[in-house]
Protein backbone atom coordinates (compact mmCIF):
# COMPACT_ATOMS: atom_id res chain seq x y z
CA MET A 1 -37.53 92.70 67.66
CA GLY A 2 -36.70 89.66 69.82
CA PRO A 3 -39.07 87.13 71.34
CA LEU A 4 -40.94 87.76 74.58
CA GLU A 5 -40.09 85.98 77.81
CA PHE A 6 -42.86 83.85 79.28
CA ILE A 7 -43.26 84.80 82.97
CA GLY A 8 -46.16 82.67 84.11
CA ILE A 9 -49.76 81.51 83.92
CA ILE A 10 -52.18 80.95 86.79
CA SER A 11 -51.48 77.53 88.26
CA ASN A 12 -55.08 76.26 88.18
CA THR A 13 -56.06 77.67 84.80
CA PRO A 14 -58.85 75.81 82.99
CA GLU A 15 -58.39 74.88 79.35
CA VAL A 16 -60.53 77.76 78.10
CA GLU A 17 -59.09 80.46 80.37
CA SER A 18 -55.44 81.34 80.58
CA PRO A 19 -54.45 84.63 82.26
CA THR A 20 -50.77 84.92 81.33
CA ILE A 21 -47.86 87.34 81.72
CA TRP A 22 -44.95 87.90 79.33
CA ARG A 23 -41.97 90.28 79.57
CA ASP A 24 -40.39 92.20 76.70
CA PRO A 25 -36.61 91.95 77.31
CA ALA A 26 -36.00 94.93 75.03
CA ASN A 27 -37.55 97.42 77.44
CA GLY A 28 -38.82 95.49 80.45
CA ASP A 29 -42.49 96.02 79.59
CA LEU A 30 -44.99 93.44 80.86
CA LEU A 31 -47.73 92.12 78.57
CA ILE A 32 -50.72 90.80 80.51
CA GLN A 33 -53.52 88.61 79.21
CA THR A 34 -56.38 88.59 81.69
CA TYR A 35 -60.13 89.03 82.05
CA ARG A 36 -61.67 91.87 80.03
CA ALA A 37 -63.42 94.55 82.07
CA SER A 38 -67.18 94.67 81.62
CA GLU A 39 -69.15 97.73 80.55
CA ASP A 40 -70.19 98.15 84.17
CA ASP A 41 -66.52 98.04 85.22
CA LEU A 42 -65.73 100.80 82.72
CA ARG A 43 -68.64 102.89 83.96
CA ARG A 44 -67.47 102.57 87.56
CA CYS A 45 -63.90 103.50 86.61
CA LYS A 46 -65.16 106.64 84.89
CA GLU A 47 -67.24 107.55 87.93
CA VAL A 48 -64.16 107.56 90.16
CA GLY A 49 -61.64 108.90 87.65
CA SER A 50 -58.04 109.50 88.68
CA ILE A 51 -56.20 112.78 89.30
CA PRO A 52 -58.14 116.07 89.25
CA GLY A 53 -58.56 117.50 85.78
CA HIS A 54 -57.62 114.26 84.02
CA SER A 55 -60.04 112.83 81.46
CA THR A 56 -62.07 109.86 82.65
CA ASP A 57 -62.42 108.49 79.11
CA VAL A 58 -60.34 105.47 78.05
CA PRO A 59 -58.19 106.44 75.03
CA GLU A 60 -58.52 104.32 71.88
CA HIS A 61 -54.98 102.95 72.33
CA GLU A 62 -55.68 101.86 75.95
CA THR A 63 -58.07 99.42 77.60
CA VAL A 64 -59.16 98.36 81.07
CA VAL A 65 -58.69 94.81 82.32
CA ARG A 66 -59.72 93.19 85.57
CA TYR A 67 -57.19 91.36 87.74
CA THR A 68 -58.94 88.67 89.74
CA PRO A 69 -57.54 86.55 92.60
CA ASN A 70 -56.21 83.25 91.30
CA ASP A 71 -59.43 81.21 91.40
CA PRO A 72 -61.47 80.51 88.24
CA GLN A 73 -64.46 79.44 90.35
CA PHE A 74 -64.46 82.82 92.08
CA GLN A 75 -64.37 84.50 88.67
CA ARG A 76 -67.44 82.52 87.62
CA TYR A 77 -69.17 83.52 90.85
CA ARG A 78 -68.49 87.18 90.09
CA GLU A 79 -69.97 86.66 86.66
CA GLY A 80 -73.21 85.46 88.25
CA LEU A 81 -72.85 81.68 88.67
CA ARG A 82 -74.73 80.39 91.72
CA TYR A 83 -75.18 76.82 92.93
CA GLY A 84 -78.33 75.21 94.23
CA PRO A 85 -78.37 73.03 97.37
CA ASP A 86 -78.36 69.83 95.30
CA ASP A 87 -75.47 70.83 93.01
CA ARG A 88 -72.20 68.96 93.32
CA PRO A 89 -69.71 70.62 90.93
CA ALA A 90 -66.89 68.44 89.63
CA TRP A 91 -64.15 70.82 90.80
CA PHE A 92 -64.99 69.96 94.43
CA ASP A 93 -64.31 66.24 93.93
CA GLY A 94 -60.62 66.71 94.71
CA PHE A 95 -61.57 67.55 98.29
CA THR A 96 -64.65 65.35 98.60
CA ARG A 97 -62.92 62.01 98.02
CA PRO A 98 -60.17 62.28 100.68
CA ALA A 99 -62.51 64.02 103.13
CA LEU A 100 -65.12 61.27 102.90
CA GLY A 101 -62.41 58.65 103.20
CA ALA A 102 -61.19 60.23 106.42
CA MET A 103 -64.68 60.59 107.87
CA ASP A 104 -65.43 56.95 107.01
CA ARG A 105 -62.57 56.12 109.38
CA GLY A 106 -64.23 58.15 112.15
CA VAL A 107 -62.35 61.41 111.66
CA VAL A 108 -64.24 64.55 112.69
CA MET A 109 -63.51 67.49 110.40
CA ARG A 110 -63.98 71.00 111.80
CA ARG A 111 -63.21 74.23 109.97
CA ALA A 112 -63.23 77.69 111.58
CA ARG A 113 -62.99 80.89 109.54
CA ILE A 114 -62.16 84.27 111.04
CA VAL A 115 -63.42 87.05 108.79
CA SER A 116 -63.38 90.83 108.71
CA GLU A 117 -66.75 92.52 108.39
CA PRO A 118 -68.20 93.81 106.15
CA VAL A 119 -66.92 90.81 104.23
CA THR A 120 -65.20 90.94 100.84
CA ASP A 121 -66.61 89.48 97.63
CA TYR A 122 -64.26 86.52 97.99
CA ILE A 123 -65.61 85.72 101.46
CA ARG A 124 -69.13 85.93 100.05
CA TYR A 125 -68.06 83.39 97.44
CA GLU A 126 -66.53 81.10 100.09
CA HIS A 127 -69.68 81.35 102.17
CA HIS A 128 -71.82 80.52 99.12
CA VAL A 129 -69.92 77.30 98.35
CA THR A 130 -69.49 76.17 101.96
CA PHE A 131 -72.72 74.15 101.67
CA LEU A 132 -70.55 71.66 99.75
CA ASN A 133 -68.35 71.15 102.84
CA VAL A 134 -71.37 70.81 105.09
CA ALA A 135 -73.05 68.36 102.71
CA ILE A 136 -70.25 65.83 103.10
CA GLY A 137 -70.27 66.10 106.90
CA GLU A 138 -67.70 68.78 107.64
CA GLN A 139 -68.52 71.15 110.50
CA VAL A 140 -67.91 74.81 109.64
CA ARG A 141 -68.16 77.91 111.82
CA TRP A 142 -67.52 81.62 111.24
CA LEU A 143 -66.11 84.18 113.67
CA PRO A 144 -66.11 87.95 113.07
CA ARG A 145 -62.57 89.25 113.58
CA ARG A 146 -63.81 91.87 116.06
CA LEU A 147 -64.58 89.00 118.45
CA ALA A 148 -61.07 87.54 118.23
CA SER A 149 -58.98 90.43 119.57
CA ASP A 150 -58.07 88.67 122.83
CA ILE A 151 -57.23 85.29 121.26
CA ALA A 152 -53.59 84.33 120.69
CA LEU A 153 -53.87 83.23 117.07
CA PRO A 154 -51.25 81.50 114.88
CA GLY A 155 -49.90 83.76 112.15
CA ASN A 156 -50.85 81.61 109.16
CA ASP A 157 -53.69 79.54 107.77
CA LEU A 158 -53.41 75.94 108.96
CA TRP A 159 -54.71 72.40 109.22
CA MET A 160 -54.20 70.33 112.37
CA PHE A 161 -54.23 66.53 112.22
CA ASP A 162 -54.89 64.15 115.12
CA ASP A 163 -54.07 66.88 117.67
CA SER A 164 -50.39 66.23 116.98
CA LYS A 165 -49.36 67.62 113.55
CA VAL A 166 -49.89 71.05 112.03
CA MET A 167 -49.55 72.11 108.40
CA PHE A 168 -49.23 75.86 107.90
CA THR A 169 -50.01 77.36 104.50
CA MET A 170 -48.41 80.68 103.54
CA PHE A 171 -50.14 83.02 101.09
CA SER A 172 -48.94 85.92 98.98
CA GLY A 173 -50.49 89.38 99.29
CA ASP A 174 -52.77 88.44 96.37
CA GLY A 175 -54.05 85.37 98.19
CA ASP A 176 -52.13 82.74 96.23
CA PRO A 177 -50.53 79.85 98.20
CA VAL A 178 -46.73 80.20 98.16
CA GLY A 179 -45.57 77.51 100.56
CA ARG A 180 -46.38 74.97 103.25
CA GLU A 181 -44.65 73.98 106.46
CA TRP A 182 -45.25 70.99 108.72
CA THR A 183 -44.50 70.90 112.43
CA THR A 184 -44.98 68.53 115.36
CA ASP A 185 -43.42 70.92 117.85
CA PRO A 186 -45.41 70.39 121.09
CA GLY A 187 -45.48 74.11 121.89
CA VAL A 188 -46.83 75.02 118.46
CA VAL A 189 -49.38 72.20 118.52
CA GLN A 190 -50.63 73.35 121.93
CA LEU A 191 -50.94 76.95 120.73
CA VAL A 192 -52.97 75.82 117.74
CA LYS A 193 -55.22 73.56 119.82
CA SER A 194 -55.91 76.27 122.39
CA ALA A 195 -56.58 78.94 119.76
CA PHE A 196 -58.85 76.71 117.71
CA GLU A 197 -60.98 75.60 120.63
CA THR A 198 -61.45 79.21 121.78
CA VAL A 199 -62.41 80.28 118.26
CA TRP A 200 -64.74 77.30 117.89
CA GLN A 201 -66.63 78.11 121.08
CA ARG A 202 -67.18 81.72 120.02
CA ALA A 203 -67.89 81.10 116.33
CA THR A 204 -71.29 80.79 114.68
CA PRO A 205 -72.30 77.60 112.83
CA HIS A 206 -72.40 78.06 109.09
CA GLN A 207 -76.18 77.71 108.80
CA ASP A 208 -76.66 80.53 111.33
CA TYR A 209 -73.98 82.96 110.20
CA VAL A 210 -75.40 85.94 108.30
CA LEU A 211 -73.05 87.86 106.01
CA THR A 212 -72.74 91.62 106.52
């Protein structure tokens, strides 16, 4: 039996966690190392079951694993980790340092998030940790998607700099970043500026936005 082919590991894996995928070239099977499902996960799987008449028990030669979006901090949140208002976790330093440097130069940082309601667990996590952005001086607002139907929105997540440059970030269906694209095209910049200002006026400041 020949060796397996290494396919990949999550890009931001911590030293003690390493969800990984291998491929068996002999038959094309994928071997996946990921987070083990909890007893509550197993119970919920059994409650739903699968096709009518099929056993809901997990056979001895099978197991259930949980695939989680590619964010170890989100995984810890799902496991029950919560931060207090005075916490400053080390993983946020990578954003804090450049953000504070920019704001020291007089830059105003505004972030608007458009979200579907009821929100997903990941949005609940983002909302929970947004106090870190606010603590360093960033302004953050939230807009329910139902209030954005008449706004001409750009098709991708983005950052705009100095009202003249836009960086789009493209994501996979699983929410992982797969590419970035810069533009200074005046038409695109104007679209982004107009859309953002409309969203900003309608959106709710972070401290007032209540999750549903």
